[in-house]
Amino acid sequence: MNNDNAHFTEAFATVLVPGSKSLSQRALVAAALAQNNSLISNVLISQDTHYLMEGLRALGAEIVPREDGFFISGTSGNIINNGKELFLGNNGTALRFLTALACLGRGKYVLTGEKRLCERPVGALADALREMGAGISCQNNCPPVEIDAHGLRGGKITLRDIESSQYVSALLLCAPYTAAGIDLSLQGGVVSMPYIDLTINVMRDFGAKITRTGEYEYHVNAREIYQGRKYRVEGDASSASYFFLAAALLKKTIRVAGIGRQSKQGDIRLLNVLEELGCMVRSEENWVDVTGGNLAEGNLAFDLNDMPDMVPTLAVLSAFRKGQTIISNVAHLRIKESNRLAAVVTELNRVGIKAREMPEGLVIQGGKMRPAKIETYNDHRMAMSFAIAGLLERGIEISDKKCVDKSFPAFWEELKKL
């Protein structure tokens, strides 16, 4: 159905999504570690990137906003210690990335954040960094993280059955600055693989040498460090998903500008799911059109292990579809900004949709929503997903609209276009 122009109408609305949160954070870290200067354009400006940039500044990077992006003077891996605690809000990515980066420095560092961040695990990452020579302590494998740093040896590291791909990305990003490089092996369950691939792409874009030596095995050379460069961040596929959802539910054509279907971001694969459910998709390099149709009916199942952030989006769509939807292989959502599985079930039940948790996911029975005030659990993805439901059911109200500032501060302005 892709590119079948005969079925497309002119876009009912065109919305613009901000720069990718995942690529912004990875590029900022690489540029902060790099030799020489970088200019990164289309960086996502949000709570999460603010906390990350403040953390990188505290570790020695110079980051200056300009009209055309952010000018970054890199540290060449020479991490400073200014003695200040690094407060990272509820940014789990920043916490894990900067835990690894701080270990490249010297002396004592403390990383912490909001209450929810201090409930999100870092144990497997801390264990790996200890193996490479860092002194790390944390309570119950959660922040605050206290580090006694004196550089990292590198070497062979094995991670088993990890609950977050961010551990892998953190170790890979700092690997060129270890004494011996690293050989990283992932065993057992691996979640969110597309995010690891994004990390590898950014590392290569900044000049690091990384080799895949097996399906889940990676070798990173030491001393082949990042080089400063110009880098443009593409649009955010996760943010785009809410407008793809709107097209599907409103049965209209909505154009999302700033991203194309060829994106390497894992969440762009939601388009495949939408096609399976009866939508049509058309795309060029810098935009995607989604046209909603009659949603497929009956019992369907979707494995979202590689795009867990799409669970609230697909859950809301499933509420409007006739039939049962099973969303599987996403147990790791219990350690996100909220316990996202429990949150989705609670709020779907609140609006009159039958939904329940499974050990590995959700079961949702489509039906008719009723008006309700949605709790967001300070989770941006909950707010944005259920806001789209409010386009169809006028009595849906979002209790904490500000939580979208974490990843998409302009969301409500863009939503007005619909």
Protein backbone atom coordinates (compact mmCIF):
# COMPACT_ATOMS: atom_id res chain seq x y z
CA MET A 1 0.00 0.00 0.00
CA ASN A 2 2.99 2.28 0.37
CA ASN A 3 3.20 5.02 -2.29
CA ASP A 4 -0.21 4.14 -3.75
CA ASN A 5 -0.98 7.74 -4.71
CA ALA A 6 -4.47 6.99 -6.03
CA HIS A 7 -5.79 6.57 -2.48
CA PHE A 8 -4.21 9.67 -0.97
CA THR A 9 -5.91 13.01 -0.47
CA GLU A 10 -4.21 16.29 0.28
CA ALA A 11 -3.05 16.41 3.89
CA PHE A 12 -5.72 17.49 6.35
CA ALA A 13 -2.89 18.93 8.47
CA THR A 14 0.90 19.16 8.45
CA VAL A 15 2.71 18.94 11.78
CA LEU A 16 6.39 19.39 12.58
CA VAL A 17 8.19 17.14 15.07
CA PRO A 18 11.31 18.17 17.00
CA GLY A 19 14.75 16.61 16.61
CA SER A 20 15.14 13.01 17.74
CA LYS A 21 15.68 12.71 21.49
CA SER A 22 17.73 9.52 21.04
CA LEU A 23 20.01 10.99 18.36
CA SER A 24 20.30 14.37 20.12
CA GLN A 25 21.54 12.73 23.32
CA ARG A 26 23.99 10.40 21.56
CA ALA A 27 25.39 13.18 19.36
CA LEU A 28 25.78 15.54 22.34
CA VAL A 29 27.76 12.89 24.25
CA ALA A 30 30.01 12.09 21.27
CA ALA A 31 30.64 15.79 20.60
CA ALA A 32 31.39 16.41 24.30
CA LEU A 33 33.98 13.62 24.27
CA ALA A 34 35.40 14.56 20.86
CA GLN A 35 38.64 16.17 19.89
CA ASN A 36 37.99 19.64 18.40
CA ASN A 37 34.67 21.40 17.91
CA SER A 38 31.24 20.33 16.70
CA LEU A 39 28.10 22.08 15.54
CA ILE A 40 24.97 20.03 16.14
CA SER A 41 21.79 21.35 14.55
CA ASN A 42 18.11 20.47 15.08
CA VAL A 43 18.88 19.29 18.63
CA LEU A 44 15.76 18.54 20.66
CA ILE A 45 15.28 21.34 23.21
CA SER A 46 13.49 19.70 26.14
CA GLN A 47 13.82 18.89 29.84
CA ASP A 48 15.77 15.73 29.09
CA THR A 49 18.35 17.38 26.82
CA HIS A 50 18.67 20.30 29.27
CA TYR A 51 19.65 17.90 32.08
CA LEU A 52 22.07 16.05 29.79
CA MET A 53 23.76 19.26 28.58
CA GLU A 54 24.14 20.56 32.14
CA GLY A 55 25.73 17.23 33.08
CA LEU A 56 28.13 17.36 30.13
CA ARG A 57 29.09 20.94 31.01
CA ALA A 58 29.84 19.81 34.57
CA LEU A 59 32.17 17.16 33.13
CA GLY A 60 34.12 19.73 31.10
CA ALA A 61 32.40 20.21 27.73
CA GLU A 62 31.71 23.73 26.53
CA ILE A 63 28.19 23.83 25.02
CA VAL A 64 27.01 27.15 23.59
CA PRO A 65 23.58 27.69 21.98
CA ARG A 66 23.66 29.41 18.58
CA GLU A 67 21.01 30.31 16.05
CA ASP A 68 21.97 27.31 13.90
CA GLY A 69 22.35 24.76 16.71
CA PHE A 70 24.77 24.06 19.54
CA PHE A 71 28.49 24.75 19.31
CA ILE A 72 30.36 22.18 21.38
CA SER A 73 34.00 22.34 22.33
CA GLY A 74 34.95 18.73 23.13
CA THR A 75 37.05 17.43 25.97
CA SER A 76 39.12 14.85 24.02
CA GLY A 77 37.98 12.49 26.78
CA ASN A 78 39.58 14.56 29.55
CA ILE A 79 36.69 14.53 32.03
CA ILE A 80 36.96 17.17 34.76
CA ASN A 81 35.71 16.98 38.34
CA ASN A 82 34.16 20.18 39.70
CA GLY A 83 32.90 18.46 42.85
CA LYS A 84 29.23 19.23 42.12
CA GLU A 85 26.48 16.63 42.22
CA LEU A 86 25.00 15.85 38.78
CA PHE A 87 21.19 16.16 38.99
CA LEU A 88 19.51 14.58 35.95
CA GLY A 89 15.79 14.99 36.56
CA ASN A 90 14.02 11.87 35.30
CA ASN A 91 16.36 11.33 32.34
CA GLY A 92 17.34 7.66 32.53
CA THR A 93 19.42 7.90 29.36
CA ALA A 94 21.50 10.77 30.75
CA LEU A 95 21.96 8.97 34.07
CA ARG A 96 23.33 5.85 32.39
CA PHE A 97 25.45 7.64 29.78
CA LEU A 98 27.01 10.03 32.31
CA THR A 99 27.63 7.25 34.84
CA ALA A 100 29.96 5.70 32.26
CA LEU A 101 31.50 9.04 31.25
CA ALA A 102 32.23 10.06 34.86
CA CYS A 103 34.25 6.85 35.26
CA LEU A 104 36.70 8.23 32.67
CA GLY A 105 37.51 11.09 35.06
CA ARG A 106 39.35 11.25 38.35
CA GLY A 107 37.95 11.54 41.86
CA LYS A 108 34.47 11.33 43.34
CA TYR A 109 31.24 11.98 41.42
CA VAL A 110 27.60 11.70 42.51
CA LEU A 111 24.74 11.31 40.00
CA THR A 112 21.13 11.58 41.11
CA GLY A 113 17.71 12.88 40.03
CA GLU A 114 14.02 12.97 40.80
CA LYS A 115 12.33 10.32 42.95
CA ARG A 116 11.33 8.18 39.93
CA LEU A 117 14.87 8.26 38.51
CA CYS A 118 16.14 6.95 41.85
CA GLU A 119 13.87 3.91 41.37
CA ARG A 120 15.28 3.04 37.93
CA PRO A 121 18.00 0.37 37.89
CA VAL A 122 21.67 0.85 36.99
CA GLY A 123 23.04 -2.34 38.59
CA ALA A 124 24.22 -4.18 35.46
CA LEU A 125 25.99 -1.06 34.19
CA ALA A 126 27.64 -0.46 37.57
CA ASP A 127 28.87 -4.08 37.63
CA ALA A 128 30.42 -3.73 34.14
CA LEU A 129 32.15 -0.47 35.07
CA ARG A 130 33.52 -2.06 38.27
CA GLU A 131 35.04 -4.82 36.13
CA MET A 132 36.88 -2.10 34.21
CA GLY A 133 38.31 -0.54 37.36
CA ALA A 134 35.74 2.01 38.55
CA GLY A 135 34.64 2.26 42.17
CA ILE A 136 30.83 2.50 42.14
CA SER A 137 28.21 2.24 44.85
CA CYS A 138 24.43 2.61 44.66
CA GLN A 139 21.54 1.54 46.89
CA ASN A 140 19.53 -1.48 45.71
CA ASN A 141 21.15 -1.08 42.27
CA CYS A 142 19.46 2.34 41.85
CA PRO A 143 20.62 5.97 42.06
CA PRO A 144 22.08 8.00 43.65
CA VAL A 145 25.24 6.63 42.02
CA GLU A 146 28.52 7.38 43.80
CA ILE A 147 31.67 6.94 41.73
CA ASP A 148 35.33 6.86 42.71
CA ALA A 149 36.88 7.29 39.26
CA HIS A 150 40.40 6.79 37.96
CA GLY A 151 39.85 5.99 34.29
CA LEU A 152 38.65 2.71 32.76
CA ARG A 153 40.79 -0.27 31.78
CA GLY A 154 38.42 -1.65 29.17
CA GLY A 155 38.71 -5.31 28.23
CA LYS A 156 36.15 -8.11 27.90
CA ILE A 157 32.68 -7.35 29.28
CA THR A 158 29.61 -9.60 29.26
CA LEU A 159 26.09 -8.35 29.95
CA ARG A 160 23.37 -10.95 30.60
CA ASP A 161 19.57 -10.53 30.34
CA ILE A 162 19.73 -6.75 30.66
CA GLU A 163 16.54 -4.76 31.18
CA SER A 164 17.79 -1.65 29.34
CA SER A 165 19.71 -1.15 26.10
CA GLN A 166 21.03 2.10 27.62
CA TYR A 167 23.62 0.06 29.55
CA VAL A 168 25.04 -1.15 26.23
CA SER A 169 25.00 2.32 24.67
CA ALA A 170 26.70 3.83 27.74
CA LEU A 171 29.56 1.33 27.61
CA LEU A 172 29.98 1.65 23.84
CA LEU A 173 30.01 5.47 23.90
CA CYS A 174 32.88 5.64 26.43
CA ALA A 175 34.78 2.64 24.98
CA PRO A 176 37.21 4.63 22.73
CA TYR A 177 38.53 6.35 25.88
CA THR A 178 39.31 3.17 27.83
CA ALA A 179 42.91 2.01 28.10
CA ALA A 180 42.42 -1.16 26.03
CA GLY A 181 39.13 -0.65 24.19
CA ILE A 182 36.34 -3.10 24.90
CA ASP A 183 35.00 -6.41 23.68
CA LEU A 184 31.34 -6.39 24.67
CA SER A 185 29.17 -9.52 24.57
CA LEU A 186 25.40 -9.54 25.17
CA GLN A 187 23.92 -12.83 26.34
CA GLY A 188 20.35 -13.89 27.03
CA GLY A 189 17.56 -11.38 26.45
CA VAL A 190 18.38 -8.15 24.62
CA VAL A 191 15.77 -5.36 24.54
CA SER A 192 15.42 -2.34 22.22
CA MET A 193 18.11 -3.37 19.74
CA PRO A 194 17.42 -0.42 17.38
CA TYR A 195 18.69 1.96 20.08
CA ILE A 196 22.01 0.11 20.19
CA ASP A 197 22.23 0.38 16.40
CA LEU A 198 21.58 4.15 16.66
CA THR A 199 24.46 4.44 19.14
CA ILE A 200 26.80 2.59 16.79
CA ASN A 201 25.78 4.82 13.86
CA VAL A 202 26.48 8.01 15.85
CA MET A 203 29.82 6.65 17.08
CA ARG A 204 30.88 5.93 13.50
CA ASP A 205 29.62 9.34 12.34
CA PHE A 206 32.00 10.90 14.88
CA GLY A 207 34.94 8.74 13.77
CA ALA A 208 35.10 5.87 16.29
CA LYS A 209 36.07 2.38 15.12
CA ILE A 210 33.50 -0.19 16.17
CA THR A 211 33.19 -3.70 14.76
CA ARG A 212 30.38 -6.20 15.18
CA THR A 213 32.24 -9.46 15.84
CA GLY A 214 29.09 -11.58 16.36
CA GLU A 215 25.32 -11.14 16.40
CA TYR A 216 25.48 -9.51 19.86
CA GLU A 217 29.23 -8.92 20.14
CA TYR A 218 31.10 -5.66 19.61
CA HIS A 219 34.73 -4.57 19.54
CA VAL A 220 35.66 -0.90 20.00
CA ASN A 221 39.24 0.26 19.45
CA ALA A 222 40.95 2.35 22.13
CA ARG A 223 42.48 5.72 21.29
CA GLU A 224 40.55 6.11 18.01
CA ILE A 225 38.53 8.86 19.59
CA TYR A 226 35.65 11.00 18.32
CA GLN A 227 36.43 13.93 16.03
CA GLY A 228 34.37 17.12 16.06
CA ARG A 229 32.06 17.64 13.08
CA LYS A 230 28.85 19.21 11.82
CA TYR A 231 25.90 16.95 12.55
CA ARG A 232 22.19 17.42 11.89
CA VAL A 233 19.70 15.54 14.06
CA GLU A 234 16.73 14.12 12.15
CA GLY A 235 13.14 14.42 13.42
CA ASP A 236 11.93 12.27 16.32
CA ALA A 237 10.09 9.09 15.28
CA SER A 238 8.58 8.64 18.75
CA SER A 239 7.09 12.14 18.67
CA ALA A 240 5.83 11.53 15.13
CA SER A 241 3.95 8.43 16.29
CA TYR A 242 1.22 10.46 18.01
CA PHE A 243 0.30 12.13 14.74
CA PHE A 244 0.45 8.82 12.87
CA LEU A 245 -2.03 7.61 15.51
CA ALA A 246 -4.21 10.67 14.94
CA ALA A 247 -4.37 9.93 11.20
CA ALA A 248 -5.36 6.33 11.89
CA LEU A 249 -8.16 7.29 14.30
CA LEU A 250 -9.48 10.35 12.45
CA LYS A 251 -9.36 8.53 9.07
CA LYS A 252 -7.64 11.53 7.52
CA THR A 253 -4.27 12.21 5.88
CA ILE A 254 -1.76 13.84 8.21
CA ARG A 255 1.71 14.83 7.08
CA VAL A 256 4.54 14.73 9.61
CA ALA A 257 7.46 16.90 8.48
CA GLY A 258 11.07 16.50 9.58
CA ILE A 259 11.44 12.73 9.26
CA GLY A 260 11.27 10.07 6.52
CA ARG A 261 10.42 6.40 6.53
CA GLN A 262 14.07 5.49 5.83
CA SER A 263 15.01 6.65 9.37
CA LYS A 264 17.13 4.24 11.42
CA GLN A 265 15.08 5.03 14.55
CA GLY A 266 13.31 1.87 15.66
CA ASP A 267 9.99 3.62 16.36
CA ILE A 268 9.51 4.44 12.67
CA ARG A 269 8.52 0.76 12.35
CA LEU A 270 5.16 1.67 13.84
CA LEU A 271 4.28 2.55 10.24
CA ASN A 272 4.47 -1.18 9.38
CA VAL A 273 1.96 -1.92 12.16
CA LEU A 274 -0.37 0.85 10.93
CA GLU A 275 -0.28 -0.54 7.40
CA GLU A 276 -1.16 -3.97 8.77
CA LEU A 277 -4.12 -2.35 10.53
CA GLY A 278 -5.45 -0.69 7.37
CA CYS A 279 -3.66 2.66 7.06
CA MET A 280 -1.77 3.85 3.99
CA VAL A 281 1.71 5.37 4.21
CA ARG A 282 3.58 7.56 1.76
CA SER A 283 6.99 9.06 2.43
CA GLU A 284 9.85 11.05 0.97
CA GLU A 285 13.15 11.98 2.59
CA ASN A 286 11.76 14.64 4.93
CA TRP A 287 8.09 13.83 5.44
CA VAL A 288 5.66 10.99 6.04
CA ASP A 289 1.95 10.99 5.12
CA VAL A 290 -0.35 8.58 6.95
CA THR A 291 -3.94 8.12 5.77
CA GLY A 292 -6.31 6.34 8.11
CA GLY A 293 -8.87 3.80 6.87
CA ASN A 294 -11.17 1.26 8.45
CA LEU A 295 -9.12 -0.43 11.16
CA ALA A 296 -8.63 -4.18 10.77
CA GLU A 297 -10.91 -6.16 13.09
CA GLY A 298 -10.42 -9.38 15.04
CA ASN A 299 -7.79 -10.73 17.43
CA LEU A 300 -4.25 -9.53 16.69
CA ALA A 301 -0.89 -9.72 18.46
CA PHE A 302 2.17 -7.47 18.19
CA ASP A 303 5.69 -7.98 19.59
CA LEU A 304 7.00 -4.48 20.45
CA ASN A 305 10.31 -5.50 22.05
CA ASP A 306 12.22 -3.37 19.54
CA MET A 307 9.96 -0.30 19.94
CA PRO A 308 8.72 -0.27 23.54
CA ASP A 309 8.00 3.47 23.54
CA MET A 310 5.24 2.74 21.01
CA VAL A 311 3.21 0.68 23.51
CA PRO A 312 1.03 3.58 24.78
CA THR A 313 0.47 4.72 21.17
CA LEU A 314 -0.61 1.26 19.99
CA ALA A 315 -2.61 0.70 23.18
CA VAL A 316 -4.74 3.78 22.52
CA LEU A 317 -5.27 2.72 18.91
CA SER A 318 -6.25 -0.77 20.11
CA ALA A 319 -8.93 0.75 22.36
CA PHE A 320 -10.76 2.00 19.24
CA ARG A 321 -10.35 -1.21 17.20
CA LYS A 322 -12.92 -4.01 17.17
CA GLY A 323 -11.28 -7.10 18.61
CA GLN A 324 -8.60 -8.08 21.09
CA THR A 325 -5.02 -6.80 20.86
CA ILE A 326 -2.10 -8.48 22.61
CA ILE A 327 1.09 -6.41 22.98
CA SER A 328 3.94 -8.69 24.01
CA ASN A 329 7.63 -8.86 24.95
CA VAL A 330 7.71 -5.48 26.73
CA ALA A 331 8.17 -6.34 30.43
CA HIS A 332 11.00 -3.76 30.57
CA LEU A 333 8.38 -0.97 30.36
CA ARG A 334 7.88 -1.37 34.10
CA ILE A 335 11.13 0.58 34.67
CA LYS A 336 10.46 3.54 32.39
CA GLU A 337 9.37 7.09 33.38
CA SER A 338 6.44 5.34 35.03
CA ASN A 339 5.52 1.67 35.34
CA ARG A 340 4.16 2.13 31.87
CA LEU A 341 2.31 -1.20 31.63
CA ALA A 342 0.39 -0.62 34.86
CA ALA A 343 -0.24 3.02 33.91
CA VAL A 344 -1.68 2.17 30.48
CA VAL A 345 -3.98 -0.51 31.93
CA THR A 346 -5.21 1.76 34.74
CA GLU A 347 -6.03 4.64 32.39
CA LEU A 348 -7.67 2.45 29.74
CA ASN A 349 -9.88 0.95 32.46
CA ARG A 350 -10.64 4.48 33.68
CA VAL A 351 -12.06 5.39 30.24
CA GLY A 352 -14.14 2.19 30.07
CA ILE A 353 -11.81 0.00 27.97
CA LYS A 354 -11.12 -3.53 29.21
CA ALA A 355 -7.37 -4.01 29.55
CA ARG A 356 -5.12 -6.11 31.74
CA GLU A 357 -1.44 -6.74 32.32
CA MET A 358 0.37 -9.95 31.43
CA PRO A 359 3.86 -10.78 32.74
CA GLU A 360 5.32 -9.67 29.37
CA GLY A 361 2.78 -7.15 28.13
CA LEU A 362 -0.87 -6.14 27.77
CA VAL A 363 -4.24 -7.44 26.56
CA ILE A 364 -6.70 -4.82 25.32
CA GLN A 365 -10.31 -5.34 24.22
CA GLY A 366 -11.54 -2.62 21.85
CA GLY A 367 -14.68 -0.76 22.87
CA LYS A 368 -16.21 2.67 23.43
CA MET A 369 -14.33 5.22 25.50
CA ARG A 370 -16.12 7.36 28.07
CA PRO A 371 -15.06 10.81 29.35
CA ALA A 372 -12.43 10.82 32.10
CA LYS A 373 -9.50 12.78 33.50
CA ILE A 374 -6.31 10.90 32.58
CA GLU A 375 -3.50 10.59 35.12
CA THR A 376 -0.11 10.88 33.38
CA TYR A 377 2.20 9.58 36.17
CA ASN A 378 4.60 12.36 35.08
CA ASP A 379 5.08 10.32 31.88
CA HIS A 380 5.18 12.30 28.63
CA ARG A 381 4.18 9.29 26.50
CA MET A 382 1.04 8.68 28.54
CA ALA A 383 -0.02 12.32 28.11
CA MET A 384 0.57 12.45 24.36
CA SER A 385 -1.05 9.09 23.56
CA PHE A 386 -4.25 9.80 25.49
CA ALA A 387 -4.37 13.36 24.14
CA ILE A 388 -4.92 11.81 20.70
CA ALA A 389 -7.83 9.77 22.11
CA GLY A 390 -9.27 13.15 23.15
CA LEU A 391 -9.62 14.09 19.46
CA LEU A 392 -12.35 11.44 19.19
CA GLU A 393 -13.80 11.40 22.71
CA ARG A 394 -14.27 15.02 23.73
CA GLY A 395 -14.46 14.28 27.45
CA ILE A 396 -10.87 13.01 27.69
CA GLU A 397 -8.83 15.46 29.78
CA ILE A 398 -5.09 15.25 30.52
CA SER A 399 -4.28 16.03 34.15
CA ASP A 400 -0.62 17.10 33.78
CA LYS A 401 -0.05 18.68 30.37
CA LYS A 402 3.40 19.99 31.30
CA CYS A 403 5.00 16.56 31.47
CA VAL A 404 5.35 16.61 27.64
CA ASP A 405 8.19 19.11 28.16
CA LYS A 406 10.40 16.08 28.79
CA SER A 407 10.55 15.31 25.05
CA PHE A 408 8.16 17.51 23.00
CA PRO A 409 7.48 20.96 24.54
CA ALA A 410 5.61 22.14 21.40
CA PHE A 411 3.25 19.12 21.37
CA TRP A 412 0.10 21.02 22.36
CA GLU A 413 0.76 23.71 19.73
CA GLU A 414 1.19 21.09 17.02
CA LEU A 415 -1.94 19.26 18.22
CA LYS A 416 -3.98 22.43 17.71
CA LYS A 417 -3.34 22.04 13.96
CA LEU A 418 -5.67 19.02 14.06
